[in-house]
């Protein structure tokens, strides 16, 4: 059984990894002959650098850089994992690592914060999703890969690192010094937001996520035997082990249901993962954690919360529950990371992370570039989410993979970019009309504390479960009004 995972924690490259032995590749048909002319050209360039560069360069440094460049040029998620990267991957999968606790990617040559991980130094320091890191300890990050930036942010617990951040929504640059720590991630959190209703938040998919979820669900069943509804929160969840995603989805689906399928060029990439112990079992398990799961969780009414930072393995869960009509998706369209990466050990402490397949929802939908669209679009704040126009998704990466199911993807992406430019212009016009006090209020608005009484999206989810009106996304409403030429002054929040 291959191990699937998404790299998360200190730096995030949204991706699903299949941990395979070298024998899996050796079993494949032989590849085409090597391009000798290009290899000669490579050797010539290598020789010129060795002989004429301004200072001596070690062979291993040049070759490692060449390998990393070759792999990273393929798509945003393929990478060569050197000794340090590979060690970090192993630490991240277990949910315990040393660092500051951000999930990150690349944007415009800089390092973008996808999300600060809850209960970590970065989260407590006030880093926000969408912040751009411009330098680390006064070293510019321009041109760095997320892995290279992560190496600079790593360090001994108790030491400090200073990040220079640019916050788009406030149009300002500022330094932030953070103390590194050993981070033990708690991937499953629960609460009782209202009598008779349960709230379960999955922050990432780790080795212990399915067993921990099973324990939490048993506690909920004991404490609330007459459970009326459940909210599963996948916001800001960048992914993790796909076995854990299959286990989480399986906790709410009928046994043996298809959760996700994958398809690629090679045989091992053609898989169907079902809700059975065979597919969510991990080496640390001694028995099936869902074997004695309370039956109520197969039928209790459910809502799943998503946003633009719901990615990869999280999209697998949301898509499976949506396809099965098991849960209603409320929130924002997800990130759109729908490809599988295979991690092949090259040596004892290095590996190749290579995109080998697309993954699909049970109904055969490709999530790549599109994401999971909510059944009901709801904003994070009651007065709307003006910063939505600044959010970067998979489709915004310059070398992203195309959605092979969608022949109109190029036109759709162009239309999306046009819409985004219009939204940015509206945002700028609104900012010009605001008073200094209003601008300061926007700057000081704290990020939502997921699961709290002030969590507007959660309150709308509870309204839906309780049969009350749900306030629809303000941006979606404004777009509809613009299409019908309805005066903006007549706009009222749509309710479901």
Protein backbone atom coordinates (compact mmCIF):
# COMPACT_ATOMS: atom_id res chain seq x y z
CA UNK A 1 0.00 0.00 0.00
CA UNK A 2 1.62 3.24 -1.09
CA UNK A 3 1.80 6.17 1.26
CA UNK A 4 0.24 9.39 -0.02
CA UNK A 5 0.92 12.71 1.55
CA UNK A 6 0.95 16.45 1.11
CA UNK A 7 3.96 18.45 2.23
CA UNK A 8 2.89 20.88 4.92
CA UNK A 9 4.18 22.67 8.01
CA UNK A 10 7.16 25.01 7.72
CA UNK A 11 6.76 25.38 4.00
CA UNK A 12 3.93 24.04 1.93
CA UNK A 13 4.05 22.85 -1.61
CA UNK A 14 0.48 21.76 -2.17
CA UNK A 15 0.92 18.17 -3.28
CA UNK A 16 -0.09 14.59 -2.82
CA UNK A 17 2.87 12.26 -2.45
CA UNK A 18 2.95 8.56 -3.17
CA UNK A 19 5.88 7.08 -1.26
CA UNK A 20 7.16 4.33 -3.55
CA UNK A 21 10.30 2.19 -3.65
CA UNK A 22 12.69 2.40 -6.58
CA UNK A 23 11.44 -1.01 -7.73
CA UNK A 24 8.15 0.61 -8.72
CA UNK A 25 9.99 2.67 -11.30
CA UNK A 26 12.23 -0.19 -12.33
CA UNK A 27 9.12 -2.15 -13.25
CA UNK A 28 8.06 0.45 -15.80
CA UNK A 29 8.80 0.05 -19.55
CA UNK A 30 12.17 1.47 -20.63
CA UNK A 31 12.14 5.15 -21.54
CA UNK A 32 13.19 6.68 -24.84
CA UNK A 33 16.92 7.03 -25.64
CA UNK A 34 18.67 9.92 -23.90
CA UNK A 35 19.05 13.11 -26.02
CA UNK A 36 22.81 13.00 -26.61
CA UNK A 37 23.05 16.44 -28.20
CA UNK A 38 21.43 18.09 -25.19
CA UNK A 39 23.58 16.09 -22.79
CA UNK A 40 26.70 17.25 -24.66
CA UNK A 41 25.43 20.83 -24.34
CA UNK A 42 24.93 20.33 -20.61
CA UNK A 43 28.45 18.95 -20.26
CA UNK A 44 29.85 21.92 -22.17
CA UNK A 45 28.06 24.44 -19.95
CA UNK A 46 29.17 22.51 -16.85
CA UNK A 47 32.77 22.60 -18.08
CA UNK A 48 32.65 26.33 -18.86
CA UNK A 49 31.38 27.09 -15.37
CA UNK A 50 34.07 24.95 -13.78
CA UNK A 51 36.87 26.59 -15.81
CA UNK A 52 35.82 30.22 -16.10
CA UNK A 53 33.41 31.16 -13.30
CA UNK A 54 34.76 33.97 -11.12
CA UNK A 55 35.38 31.59 -8.21
CA UNK A 56 35.57 27.79 -7.84
CA UNK A 57 32.24 25.92 -7.61
CA UNK A 58 31.95 22.41 -6.18
CA UNK A 59 30.69 19.71 -8.53
CA UNK A 60 27.97 18.47 -6.15
CA UNK A 61 26.61 22.02 -5.75
CA UNK A 62 26.35 22.51 -9.50
CA UNK A 63 24.77 19.12 -10.14
CA UNK A 64 22.28 19.45 -7.29
CA UNK A 65 21.24 22.88 -8.58
CA UNK A 66 20.85 21.46 -12.09
CA UNK A 67 18.66 18.62 -10.82
CA UNK A 68 16.51 20.96 -8.72
CA UNK A 69 16.09 23.35 -11.63
CA UNK A 70 15.15 20.57 -14.02
CA UNK A 71 12.50 19.15 -11.69
CA UNK A 72 11.04 22.44 -10.44
CA UNK A 73 10.56 23.67 -14.02
CA UNK A 74 7.91 20.98 -14.58
CA UNK A 75 5.15 22.32 -12.31
CA UNK A 76 4.78 24.04 -8.91
CA UNK A 77 4.81 20.76 -6.95
CA UNK A 78 7.58 18.58 -8.38
CA UNK A 79 10.90 18.88 -6.54
CA UNK A 80 14.21 17.23 -5.77
CA UNK A 81 14.43 16.64 -1.99
CA UNK A 82 17.98 16.88 -0.71
CA UNK A 83 19.00 15.58 2.71
CA UNK A 84 17.51 18.52 4.57
CA UNK A 85 14.28 18.58 2.55
CA UNK A 86 13.77 14.84 2.96
CA UNK A 87 14.31 15.01 6.72
CA UNK A 88 11.78 17.85 6.94
CA UNK A 89 9.25 15.79 5.01
CA UNK A 90 9.52 12.92 7.47
CA UNK A 91 9.14 15.31 10.41
CA UNK A 92 6.13 17.03 8.88
CA UNK A 93 4.29 13.78 8.24
CA UNK A 94 4.54 12.90 11.93
CA UNK A 95 3.26 16.36 12.90
CA UNK A 96 6.32 17.29 14.97
CA UNK A 97 9.02 19.61 13.68
CA UNK A 98 11.16 22.62 14.55
CA UNK A 99 10.29 25.93 12.97
CA UNK A 100 7.86 28.84 13.07
CA UNK A 101 4.78 27.13 11.59
CA UNK A 102 3.73 28.53 8.24
CA UNK A 103 2.45 26.90 5.09
CA UNK A 104 3.97 28.66 2.11
CA UNK A 105 4.29 28.73 -1.65
CA UNK A 106 5.78 31.00 -4.30
CA UNK A 107 4.30 34.12 -5.90
CA UNK A 108 5.94 36.68 -8.18
CA UNK A 109 9.41 35.51 -7.17
CA UNK A 110 8.65 35.89 -3.45
CA UNK A 111 7.49 33.49 -0.73
CA UNK A 112 3.78 33.66 -0.02
CA UNK A 113 2.19 32.64 3.26
CA UNK A 114 -0.61 30.24 2.44
CA UNK A 115 -1.56 29.97 6.07
CA UNK A 116 -0.03 30.25 9.53
CA UNK A 117 -0.57 26.95 11.32
CA UNK A 118 -2.73 27.31 14.40
CA UNK A 119 -1.05 27.36 17.82
CA UNK A 120 2.42 28.02 16.38
CA UNK A 121 4.85 30.96 16.77
CA UNK A 122 3.86 32.33 13.34
CA UNK A 123 0.16 32.20 14.19
CA UNK A 124 0.68 33.91 17.54
CA UNK A 125 2.91 36.57 15.96
CA UNK A 126 0.05 37.68 13.71
CA UNK A 127 1.22 36.44 10.30
CA UNK A 128 -1.78 36.25 7.95
CA UNK A 129 -2.64 34.23 4.86
CA UNK A 130 -1.51 36.10 1.76
CA UNK A 131 1.43 37.87 3.43
CA UNK A 132 4.49 37.93 1.17
CA UNK A 133 7.91 37.28 2.69
CA UNK A 134 10.44 39.56 1.01
CA UNK A 135 13.47 38.75 3.15
CA UNK A 136 14.58 36.38 5.90
CA UNK A 137 17.12 37.77 8.36
CA UNK A 138 17.79 40.60 5.86
CA UNK A 139 18.50 38.11 3.06
CA UNK A 140 16.22 38.80 0.05
CA UNK A 141 14.13 35.79 -0.99
CA UNK A 142 13.70 36.92 -4.59
CA UNK A 143 14.17 33.89 -6.82
CA UNK A 144 14.25 31.40 -3.93
CA UNK A 145 12.13 28.27 -4.00
CA UNK A 146 9.85 27.64 -1.00
CA UNK A 147 12.21 24.83 0.04
CA UNK A 148 15.21 27.18 0.03
CA UNK A 149 13.31 29.77 2.06
CA UNK A 150 12.19 27.06 4.48
CA UNK A 151 15.83 26.10 5.07
CA UNK A 152 16.53 29.68 6.18
CA UNK A 153 13.52 29.76 8.48
CA UNK A 154 14.43 26.48 10.15
CA UNK A 155 16.65 26.49 13.19
CA UNK A 156 17.09 25.44 16.77
CA UNK A 157 14.08 25.93 19.03
CA UNK A 158 14.46 29.12 21.03
CA UNK A 159 16.42 31.00 18.37
CA UNK A 160 14.92 33.95 16.51
CA UNK A 161 14.32 34.68 12.85
CA UNK A 162 13.27 38.04 11.41
CA UNK A 163 10.94 38.09 8.41
CA UNK A 164 10.21 41.15 6.31
CA UNK A 165 6.59 40.94 5.21
CA UNK A 166 4.52 42.77 2.61
CA UNK A 167 0.80 42.77 3.36
CA UNK A 168 -1.19 43.46 0.20
CA UNK A 169 -4.44 44.34 1.93
CA UNK A 170 -2.70 47.12 3.86
CA UNK A 171 -0.11 48.03 1.21
CA UNK A 172 2.71 48.09 3.74
CA UNK A 173 6.00 46.34 4.46
CA UNK A 174 7.12 45.58 8.01
CA UNK A 175 9.59 43.36 9.91
CA UNK A 176 8.48 40.64 12.31
CA UNK A 177 10.81 38.71 14.63
CA UNK A 178 9.63 35.23 15.61
CA UNK A 179 11.10 32.73 18.06
CA UNK A 180 11.41 29.22 16.64
CA UNK A 181 9.90 26.33 18.57
CA UNK A 182 9.30 22.61 18.49
CA UNK A 183 5.82 22.36 17.00
CA UNK A 184 3.52 19.47 17.83
CA UNK A 185 0.51 19.80 15.58
CA UNK A 186 -2.92 18.86 16.90
CA UNK A 187 -4.77 18.01 13.72
CA UNK A 188 -8.25 17.38 15.19
CA UNK A 189 -10.09 19.95 17.30
CA UNK A 190 -13.69 19.88 18.47
CA UNK A 191 -16.20 22.20 20.09
CA UNK A 192 -19.92 22.52 20.82
CA UNK A 193 -21.01 25.72 19.03
CA UNK A 194 -24.67 25.21 19.97
CA UNK A 195 -26.63 22.63 21.96
CA UNK A 196 -27.13 19.52 19.84
CA UNK A 197 -24.47 20.52 17.28
CA UNK A 198 -20.81 19.53 16.99
CA UNK A 199 -17.87 21.30 15.40
CA UNK A 200 -14.86 19.32 14.14
CA UNK A 201 -11.85 21.11 12.68
CA UNK A 202 -9.14 19.21 10.79
CA UNK A 203 -6.03 21.42 10.58
CA UNK A 204 -3.95 18.94 8.54
CA UNK A 205 -3.89 15.25 7.68
CA UNK A 206 -1.21 13.49 9.73
CA UNK A 207 -0.47 9.92 10.80
CA UNK A 208 -2.65 10.25 13.90
CA UNK A 209 -5.55 12.16 12.32
CA UNK A 210 -7.91 9.22 11.72
CA UNK A 211 -7.38 7.64 15.19
CA UNK A 212 -7.66 11.05 16.85
CA UNK A 213 -10.86 11.78 14.91
CA UNK A 214 -12.31 8.43 16.00
CA UNK A 215 -11.64 9.32 19.65
CA UNK A 216 -13.20 12.76 19.26
CA UNK A 217 -16.29 11.39 17.52
CA UNK A 218 -16.79 8.85 20.31
CA UNK A 219 -16.59 11.68 22.85
CA UNK A 220 -19.14 13.72 20.90
CA UNK A 221 -21.53 10.76 20.74
CA UNK A 222 -21.25 10.25 24.52
CA UNK A 223 -21.72 13.92 25.32
CA UNK A 224 -24.48 14.55 22.76
CA UNK A 225 -26.49 11.33 22.21
CA UNK A 226 -29.18 13.32 20.36
CA UNK A 227 -26.83 15.03 17.92
CA UNK A 228 -28.68 17.15 15.36
CA UNK A 229 -25.87 18.29 13.08
CA UNK A 230 -22.13 18.48 12.56
CA UNK A 231 -19.83 21.08 10.98
CA UNK A 232 -16.55 19.79 9.51
CA UNK A 233 -14.11 22.68 9.12
CA UNK A 234 -11.42 22.29 6.42
CA UNK A 235 -10.53 25.96 6.07
CA UNK A 236 -6.80 26.74 5.85
CA UNK A 237 -6.06 23.00 5.69
CA UNK A 238 -3.31 22.57 3.12
CA UNK A 239 -3.47 18.79 3.04
CA UNK A 240 -1.38 15.95 4.42
CA UNK A 241 -1.44 12.18 4.22
CA UNK A 242 -4.05 11.00 1.79
CA UNK A 243 -4.64 7.84 3.81
CA UNK A 244 -5.76 10.17 6.58
CA UNK A 245 -8.00 12.08 4.16
CA UNK A 246 -9.59 8.79 3.09
CA UNK A 247 -10.10 7.89 6.75
CA UNK A 248 -11.70 11.25 7.58
CA UNK A 249 -14.06 11.07 4.59
CA UNK A 250 -14.75 7.43 5.40
CA UNK A 251 -15.88 8.32 8.90
CA UNK A 252 -18.96 9.91 7.33
CA UNK A 253 -19.49 7.75 4.22
CA UNK A 254 -20.92 4.22 3.81
CA UNK A 255 -18.29 1.50 4.04
CA UNK A 256 -16.42 0.72 0.81
CA UNK A 257 -17.46 4.02 -0.83
CA UNK A 258 -14.98 5.40 -3.35
CA UNK A 259 -13.31 8.48 -1.84
CA UNK A 260 -10.87 9.46 -4.60
CA UNK A 261 -9.38 8.04 -7.79
CA UNK A 262 -6.07 8.80 -9.47
CA UNK A 263 -4.98 8.42 -13.07
CA UNK A 264 -1.65 8.95 -14.79
CA UNK A 265 0.71 7.59 -17.41
CA UNK A 266 2.13 4.67 -15.40
CA UNK A 267 0.19 1.74 -14.00
CA UNK A 268 0.77 2.37 -10.30
CA UNK A 269 -0.82 5.83 -10.67
CA UNK A 270 -4.20 4.35 -11.65
CA UNK A 271 -5.90 3.77 -8.32
CA UNK A 272 -9.28 3.94 -6.58
CA UNK A 273 -9.17 4.62 -2.84
CA UNK A 274 -12.18 3.38 -0.89
CA UNK A 275 -13.55 3.81 2.58
CA UNK A 276 -12.03 0.64 3.98
CA UNK A 277 -9.20 -0.07 6.40
CA UNK A 278 -6.99 -1.26 3.55
CA UNK A 279 -6.87 2.26 2.14
CA UNK A 280 -6.59 4.40 5.27
CA UNK A 281 -4.33 2.13 7.28
CA UNK A 282 -0.91 3.50 8.25
CA UNK A 283 2.06 1.65 9.77
CA UNK A 284 1.46 3.14 13.22
CA UNK A 285 -2.06 1.65 13.42
CA UNK A 286 -2.56 -1.50 15.52
CA UNK A 287 -6.23 -1.87 14.52
CA UNK A 288 -8.97 -0.14 12.53
CA UNK A 289 -9.67 3.13 14.41
CA UNK A 290 -13.12 3.43 12.79
CA UNK A 291 -14.22 -0.12 13.54
CA UNK A 292 -16.43 0.88 16.49
CA UNK A 293 -17.42 4.31 15.22
CA UNK A 294 -20.88 5.44 16.44
CA UNK A 295 -23.41 4.90 13.66
CA UNK A 296 -24.85 8.42 14.01
CA UNK A 297 -21.92 9.90 12.06
CA UNK A 298 -22.92 8.07 8.91
CA UNK A 299 -26.26 9.91 8.80
CA UNK A 300 -26.13 13.10 10.90
CA UNK A 301 -26.73 16.24 8.77
CA UNK A 302 -23.39 17.81 7.85
CA UNK A 303 -21.88 21.02 6.54
CA UNK A 304 -18.26 21.29 5.35
CA UNK A 305 -16.55 24.69 5.54
CA UNK A 306 -13.97 25.55 2.86
CA UNK A 307 -11.96 28.55 1.71
CA UNK A 308 -9.25 29.35 -0.84
CA UNK A 309 -6.64 27.72 1.41
CA UNK A 310 -8.46 24.40 1.53
CA UNK A 311 -6.14 22.35 -0.66
CA UNK A 312 -5.08 18.93 -1.93
CA UNK A 313 -6.08 16.22 0.55
CA UNK A 314 -8.69 18.59 2.01
CA UNK A 315 -10.24 18.92 -1.44
CA UNK A 316 -10.39 15.13 -1.64
CA UNK A 317 -12.53 15.04 1.50
CA UNK A 318 -14.76 17.94 0.44
CA UNK A 319 -15.23 16.49 -3.05
CA UNK A 320 -16.06 13.00 -1.79
CA UNK A 321 -18.68 14.26 0.66
CA UNK A 322 -20.16 16.59 -1.95
CA UNK A 323 -20.38 13.91 -4.64
CA UNK A 324 -22.09 11.52 -2.24
CA UNK A 325 -24.57 14.26 -1.21
CA UNK A 326 -23.43 13.48 2.31
CA UNK A 327 -22.63 17.09 3.20
CA UNK A 328 -23.32 20.59 1.99
CA UNK A 329 -20.24 22.65 1.16
CA UNK A 330 -20.39 26.21 2.51
CA UNK A 331 -17.74 28.90 2.11
CA UNK A 332 -15.39 29.66 -0.76
CA UNK A 333 -14.03 27.78 -3.77
CA UNK A 334 -11.01 25.73 -2.74
CA UNK A 335 -7.41 26.08 -3.93
CA UNK A 336 -7.64 23.73 -6.95
CA UNK A 337 -4.66 21.46 -6.35
CA UNK A 338 -5.64 18.25 -8.13
CA UNK A 339 -2.39 16.46 -8.96
CA UNK A 340 -0.54 13.60 -7.31
CA UNK A 341 3.18 13.61 -6.58
CA UNK A 342 5.15 10.38 -6.22
CA UNK A 343 8.05 10.50 -3.79
CA UNK A 344 10.77 8.09 -4.92
CA UNK A 345 13.75 7.56 -2.58
CA UNK A 346 16.96 8.05 -4.57
CA UNK A 347 19.44 7.43 -1.76
CA UNK A 348 19.08 6.83 1.96
CA UNK A 349 18.38 10.50 2.56
CA UNK A 350 17.28 12.04 -0.76
CA UNK A 351 14.17 11.64 -2.91
CA UNK A 352 12.47 12.82 -6.09
CA UNK A 353 8.98 14.29 -5.71
CA UNK A 354 7.44 14.01 -9.16
CA UNK A 355 3.93 14.75 -10.39
CA UNK A 356 2.62 11.43 -11.73
CA UNK A 357 -1.18 11.65 -11.81
CA UNK A 358 -4.31 13.72 -11.47
CA UNK A 359 -6.81 12.87 -8.79
CA UNK A 360 -10.58 12.88 -9.24
CA UNK A 361 -13.66 12.98 -7.05
CA UNK A 362 -15.84 9.83 -6.92
CA UNK A 363 -17.99 11.20 -9.76
CA UNK A 364 -14.86 11.67 -11.90
CA UNK A 365 -14.43 15.43 -11.53
CA UNK A 366 -10.92 16.80 -11.86
CA UNK A 367 -10.20 19.40 -9.19
CA UNK A 368 -7.10 20.75 -10.94
CA UNK A 369 -7.25 24.56 -11.32
CA UNK A 370 -11.00 24.52 -10.60
CA UNK A 371 -11.22 23.40 -7.00
CA UNK A 372 -14.35 22.39 -5.14
CA UNK A 373 -17.04 25.00 -5.59
CA UNK A 374 -19.31 25.50 -2.56
CA UNK A 375 -22.99 24.66 -2.69
CA UNK A 376 -23.59 27.95 -0.85
CA UNK A 377 -21.01 30.75 -1.20
CA UNK A 378 -20.50 32.48 2.15
CA UNK A 379 -17.99 35.16 3.17
CA UNK A 380 -15.60 34.93 6.09
CA UNK A 381 -16.87 38.28 7.42
CA UNK A 382 -20.42 39.58 7.62
CA UNK A 383 -19.53 42.70 5.61
CA UNK A 384 -17.82 40.72 2.85
CA UNK A 385 -14.30 39.68 1.92
CA UNK A 386 -12.78 42.51 -0.14
CA UNK A 387 -9.37 40.80 -0.17
CA UNK A 388 -10.67 37.86 -2.21
CA UNK A 389 -9.33 39.54 -5.35
CA UNK A 390 -5.81 39.21 -3.94
CA UNK A 391 -6.00 35.49 -3.21
CA UNK A 392 -3.75 33.23 -5.27
CA UNK A 393 -4.91 29.76 -6.25
CA UNK A 394 -3.36 26.88 -8.17
CA UNK A 395 -4.49 28.31 -11.52
CA UNK A 396 -2.47 31.48 -10.86
CA UNK A 397 0.89 29.71 -10.83
CA UNK A 398 2.69 30.36 -14.14
CA UNK A 399 3.67 26.71 -14.67
CA UNK A 400 0.54 25.06 -13.29
CA UNK A 401 -0.82 21.92 -14.88
CA UNK A 402 -3.89 22.28 -17.08
CA UNK A 403 -7.23 20.72 -16.27
CA UNK A 404 -7.39 18.06 -18.99
CA UNK A 405 -11.17 17.73 -18.60
CA UNK A 406 -11.89 21.34 -19.44
CA UNK A 407 -11.37 22.34 -23.11
CA UNK A 408 -12.37 25.92 -22.28
CA UNK A 409 -9.94 26.33 -19.41
CA UNK A 410 -7.81 28.99 -21.08
CA UNK A 411 -10.81 31.22 -21.79
CA UNK A 412 -12.16 30.62 -18.28
CA UNK A 413 -8.83 31.56 -16.70
CA UNK A 414 -8.65 34.69 -18.84
CA UNK A 415 -12.18 35.62 -17.75
CA UNK A 416 -11.24 34.93 -14.13
CA UNK A 417 -8.21 37.19 -14.43
CA UNK A 418 -10.38 39.92 -15.96
CA UNK A 419 -12.85 39.59 -13.07
CA UNK A 420 -9.99 39.78 -10.60
CA UNK A 421 -8.58 42.93 -12.19
CA UNK A 422 -12.02 44.53 -11.98
CA UNK A 423 -12.31 43.52 -8.33
CA UNK A 424 -8.85 44.96 -7.59
CA UNK A 425 -9.90 48.21 -9.27
CA UNK A 426 -13.10 48.32 -7.20
CA UNK A 427 -11.00 47.68 -4.10
CA UNK A 428 -8.67 50.55 -4.95
CA UNK A 429 -11.60 52.89 -5.66
CA UNK A 430 -13.18 51.94 -2.35
CA UNK A 431 -9.90 52.56 -0.54
CA UNK A 432 -9.61 56.01 -2.13
CA UNK A 433 -13.02 56.94 -0.73
CA UNK A 434 -12.33 55.67 2.77
CA UNK A 435 -11.35 57.94 5.60
CA UNK A 436 -8.04 57.36 7.40
CA UNK A 437 -10.05 55.95 10.30
CA UNK A 438 -11.77 53.42 8.04
CA UNK A 439 -8.45 52.33 6.55
CA UNK A 440 -6.99 51.88 10.01
CA UNK A 441 -10.03 49.84 11.03
CA UNK A 442 -9.44 47.52 8.06
CA UNK A 443 -5.77 47.15 9.01
CA UNK A 444 -6.60 46.36 12.62
CA UNK A 445 -9.26 43.78 11.84
CA UNK A 446 -8.02 40.54 13.36
CA UNK A 447 -8.17 37.27 11.47
CA UNK A 448 -11.14 35.08 12.25
CA UNK A 449 -10.68 32.67 15.13
CA UNK A 450 -12.08 29.48 13.62
CA UNK A 451 -14.68 27.83 15.81
CA UNK A 452 -15.32 30.91 17.94
CA UNK A 453 -18.60 32.75 18.49
CA UNK A 454 -17.29 35.46 16.14
CA UNK A 455 -16.77 33.01 13.27
CA UNK A 456 -19.34 34.31 10.77
CA UNK A 457 -18.99 31.41 8.33
CA UNK A 458 -19.50 28.89 11.14
CA UNK A 459 -22.63 30.74 12.25
CA UNK A 460 -24.02 30.51 8.71
CA UNK A 461 -23.30 26.77 8.72
CA UNK A 462 -25.25 26.42 11.96
CA UNK A 463 -28.08 28.46 10.46
CA UNK A 464 -28.24 26.04 7.54
CA UNK A 465 -28.33 23.00 9.82
CA UNK A 466 -31.02 24.66 11.95
CA UNK A 467 -33.17 25.63 8.97
CA UNK A 468 -32.52 29.35 9.39
CA UNK A 469 -31.63 31.86 6.60
CA UNK A 470 -28.02 31.86 5.40
CA UNK A 471 -26.37 35.09 4.25
CA UNK A 472 -24.83 34.56 0.83
CA UNK A 473 -21.46 35.95 -0.28
CA UNK A 474 -21.58 39.71 -0.74
CA UNK A 475 -19.24 39.62 -3.75
CA UNK A 476 -21.42 37.03 -5.50
CA UNK A 477 -24.50 39.14 -4.82
CA UNK A 478 -22.83 42.27 -6.18
CA UNK A 479 -21.79 40.42 -9.34
CA UNK A 480 -25.37 39.27 -9.89
CA UNK A 481 -26.65 42.79 -9.35
CA UNK A 482 -24.12 44.16 -11.84
CA UNK A 483 -25.26 41.61 -14.42
CA UNK A 484 -28.90 42.67 -13.98
CA UNK A 485 -28.12 46.41 -13.75
CA UNK A 486 -29.79 46.57 -10.34
CA UNK A 487 -28.82 49.75 -8.43
CA UNK A 488 -26.17 49.00 -5.81
CA UNK A 489 -28.24 50.82 -3.20
CA UNK A 490 -30.91 48.14 -3.60
CA UNK A 491 -28.50 45.33 -2.78
CA UNK A 492 -29.51 43.14 0.11
CA UNK A 493 -27.78 39.97 1.29
CA UNK A 494 -29.27 36.91 -0.33
CA UNK A 495 -30.57 34.32 2.08
CA UNK A 496 -31.05 30.56 1.65
